[in-house]
Protein backbone atom coordinates (compact mmCIF):
# COMPACT_ATOMS: atom_id res chain seq x y z
CA MET A 1 105.27 115.73 84.39
CA GLY A 2 106.57 112.45 85.69
CA ARG A 3 109.28 110.44 87.36
CA LEU A 4 111.30 107.63 85.81
CA LEU A 5 110.89 104.45 87.87
CA LYS A 6 112.87 101.55 86.45
CA ALA A 7 114.29 100.12 83.25
CA HIS A 8 111.90 98.03 81.20
CA GLY A 9 113.51 95.46 78.92
CA LEU A 10 116.85 95.73 77.15
CA LYS A 11 116.24 98.49 74.58
CA GLY A 12 116.23 101.59 76.81
CA ALA A 13 112.56 101.71 77.80
CA ILE A 14 111.73 103.11 81.24
CA LYS A 15 108.59 102.72 83.36
CA LEU A 16 107.08 106.09 84.16
CA GLU A 17 105.18 107.49 87.15
CA LEU A 18 102.82 110.12 85.79
CA TYR A 19 102.34 113.58 87.32
CA THR A 20 100.15 114.78 84.44
CA ASP A 21 96.53 114.08 83.61
CA SER A 22 97.26 114.15 79.87
CA PRO A 23 100.23 111.87 79.18
CA ASN A 24 99.25 111.14 75.57
CA GLU A 25 99.37 114.88 74.81
CA ARG A 26 102.53 115.64 76.85
CA PHE A 27 104.73 112.67 75.89
CA VAL A 28 104.39 112.90 72.11
CA PRO A 29 107.29 111.96 69.81
CA GLY A 30 109.68 114.91 69.58
CA ALA A 31 108.67 116.49 72.92
CA VAL A 32 111.75 117.82 74.73
CA LEU A 33 111.78 117.27 78.49
CA LYS A 34 114.14 118.77 81.05
CA LEU A 35 115.58 116.56 83.75
CA GLN A 36 115.73 117.14 87.48
CA VAL A 37 118.65 115.01 88.64
CA PRO A 38 121.47 115.41 91.20
CA GLU A 39 124.43 117.54 90.10
CA THR A 40 126.59 114.41 90.23
CA SER A 41 124.47 112.67 87.57
CA PRO A 42 125.86 112.44 84.03
CA TRP A 43 122.42 113.69 82.93
CA PHE A 44 122.64 116.95 84.94
CA GLY A 45 121.82 119.97 82.76
CA LYS A 46 120.65 117.82 79.85
CA SER A 47 117.26 117.21 78.30
CA LEU A 48 115.64 114.23 76.63
CA THR A 49 113.58 113.91 73.46
CA VAL A 50 110.62 111.54 73.52
CA ASN A 51 110.60 108.79 70.88
CA GLU A 52 107.47 107.00 72.03
CA LEU A 53 105.10 106.41 74.94
CA ARG A 54 103.65 102.90 75.17
CA TRP A 55 101.28 101.28 77.65
CA TYR A 56 102.04 97.83 79.07
CA ASN A 57 99.40 96.36 81.42
CA GLN A 58 97.99 99.88 81.86
CA ALA A 59 101.41 101.20 82.97
CA PRO A 60 103.21 103.87 80.92
CA VAL A 61 106.62 103.02 79.46
CA ILE A 62 108.63 105.69 77.68
CA PHE A 63 111.38 105.55 75.06
CA PHE A 64 113.84 108.44 74.54
CA LYS A 65 116.16 109.40 71.70
CA ASP A 66 119.77 108.32 72.46
CA VAL A 67 118.70 106.02 75.33
CA ASP A 68 119.22 102.77 73.48
CA ASP A 69 120.03 100.15 76.11
CA ARG A 70 119.25 99.07 79.65
CA ASP A 71 122.42 100.67 81.09
CA ALA A 72 121.46 104.11 79.75
CA ALA A 73 117.89 103.62 81.01
CA GLU A 74 119.10 102.64 84.49
CA SER A 75 121.26 105.77 84.68
CA LEU A 76 118.03 107.82 84.48
CA ILE A 77 116.12 106.06 87.26
CA ARG A 78 114.46 108.48 89.74
CA ALA A 79 114.89 111.44 87.38
CA ILE A 80 112.00 113.91 87.38
CA LEU A 81 110.73 115.01 83.96
CA LEU A 82 109.88 118.70 83.55
CA ILE A 83 108.63 120.98 80.78
CA ASP A 84 108.94 124.70 80.22
CA THR A 85 105.60 126.43 80.59
CA ASP A 86 104.34 129.93 81.29
CA VAL A 87 104.12 130.05 85.08
CA GLN A 88 101.00 132.22 84.90
CA SER A 89 99.03 130.04 82.49
CA LEU A 90 96.42 127.63 83.77
CA PRO A 91 95.86 124.11 82.45
CA VAL A 92 93.16 123.87 79.78
CA GLU A 93 90.94 121.67 81.97
CA GLU A 94 88.38 123.28 84.25
CA ASP A 95 89.26 123.20 87.96
CA ALA A 96 92.90 122.30 87.27
CA TRP A 97 96.05 124.01 88.51
CA TYR A 98 99.77 123.46 88.41
CA ASP A 99 101.44 122.62 91.71
CA HIS A 100 103.49 125.83 91.72
CA GLN A 101 100.27 127.86 91.49
CA LEU A 102 98.86 126.25 94.64
CA VAL A 103 101.97 126.46 96.83
CA GLY A 104 101.81 129.55 99.02
CA LEU A 105 98.03 130.01 98.87
CA SER A 106 96.19 130.73 102.11
CA VAL A 107 93.82 127.99 103.26
CA LEU A 108 90.50 129.28 104.62
CA ARG A 109 87.97 127.35 106.69
CA ASP A 110 84.71 129.16 107.45
CA GLY A 111 86.41 132.41 106.38
CA VAL A 112 89.30 131.97 108.84
CA LYS A 113 92.86 131.25 107.73
CA VAL A 114 93.95 127.83 109.02
CA GLY A 115 97.23 127.53 107.15
CA THR A 116 99.21 127.78 103.94
CA VAL A 117 99.69 125.24 101.14
CA ILE A 118 103.35 124.14 101.22
CA ARG A 119 103.28 121.40 98.55
CA VAL A 120 101.05 119.05 96.58
CA GLU A 121 101.44 115.29 97.03
CA HIS A 122 100.41 113.06 94.12
CA PHE A 123 99.04 109.62 94.91
CA PRO A 124 97.20 107.09 92.72
CA ALA A 125 93.85 107.56 94.46
CA GLN A 126 93.95 111.37 94.76
CA ASP A 127 96.18 114.35 95.26
CA LEU A 128 96.74 115.84 98.71
CA LEU A 129 97.45 119.45 99.69
CA ALA A 130 100.11 119.67 102.40
CA VAL A 131 99.00 122.55 104.64
CA ASN A 132 101.25 124.16 107.24
CA THR A 133 99.02 125.27 110.12
CA GLY A 134 101.85 126.80 112.11
CA SER A 135 101.78 124.00 114.65
CA ALA A 136 101.49 120.98 112.34
CA GLU A 137 101.35 119.78 108.77
CA VAL A 138 97.94 118.55 107.61
CA LEU A 139 97.38 116.54 104.44
CA VAL A 140 94.07 117.60 102.90
CA PRO A 141 92.48 115.39 100.22
CA PHE A 142 92.30 117.57 97.10
CA VAL A 143 88.74 116.60 96.18
CA LYS A 144 85.77 118.88 95.44
CA ALA A 145 83.89 117.78 98.58
CA ILE A 146 86.71 119.01 100.85
CA VAL A 147 88.28 121.72 98.64
CA PRO A 148 85.25 123.33 96.97
CA SER A 149 87.09 126.34 95.55
CA VAL A 150 90.52 127.59 94.57
CA ASP A 151 91.05 131.25 93.65
CA ILE A 152 94.56 131.74 92.30
CA GLU A 153 94.11 135.50 91.80
CA ALA A 154 92.86 136.03 95.38
CA GLY A 155 95.49 133.63 96.71
CA ILE A 156 93.06 131.41 98.62
CA VAL A 157 91.94 127.82 98.87
CA VAL A 158 88.63 127.23 100.64
CA VAL A 159 88.32 123.98 102.60
CA THR A 160 85.34 122.26 104.22
CA PRO A 161 87.14 119.44 106.01
CA PRO A 162 85.52 116.72 108.07
CA LEU A 163 85.77 117.03 111.85
CA GLY A 164 89.21 116.01 113.05
CA LEU A 165 91.23 116.91 109.98
CA PHE A 166 92.54 120.19 111.44
CA GLU A 167 91.89 119.49 115.11
CA GLU A 168 92.19 116.54 117.42
CA ILE A 169 88.96 114.79 118.24
CA GLU A 170 88.57 114.27 121.95
CA ASP A 171 88.09 110.74 123.11
CA GLU A 172 84.35 110.40 123.87
CA ALA A 173 85.04 108.98 127.34
CA ALA A 174 87.43 111.85 128.17
CA ALA A 175 84.91 114.38 126.90
CA ALA A 176 82.11 112.79 128.98
CA ALA A 177 84.34 112.77 132.08
CA ALA A 178 85.25 116.42 131.55
CA ALA A 179 81.58 117.29 131.14
CA GLN A 180 80.73 115.35 134.31
CA GLU A 181 83.41 117.23 136.32
CA THR A 182 82.15 120.63 135.21
CA SER A 183 78.58 119.76 136.17
CA GLU A 184 79.52 118.75 139.73
């Protein structure tokens, strides 16, 4: 659901990078979140309870139970926040999926398989599907214009990428020279 970025102030607050579209519903007081941290972390195997989510200059800052000072907050930096959810359930929004539901799906272009989704990258402007084509990894903008349909049950993602996303575009001069040679 998110990643903890850096301590904010002296009372245990932590700036949060969001991986969810509904932070005000996910980070409610009392919500219990699992932590993904290295095994060497003192937080390994533990969970956190949300006290409060605040917004400072449009950036989310979170407070947890038993994280009362800057030292405790700094010990959580770079931790990934997770929740337990039914792996088969879909988000309530239309045209929304969890990352784990997309990974492993076949990517089809004009009815032909061009690769497999290997992960989802989350960026501020848009999400990207990382597609393994067998010979390369292609990052596909996860927008309706380029990814018009996702069928979890059929195991496919249909893409309509712009020219050059899955193949190299020949230099126009090289293409013209090659065309000239074949005509001679």
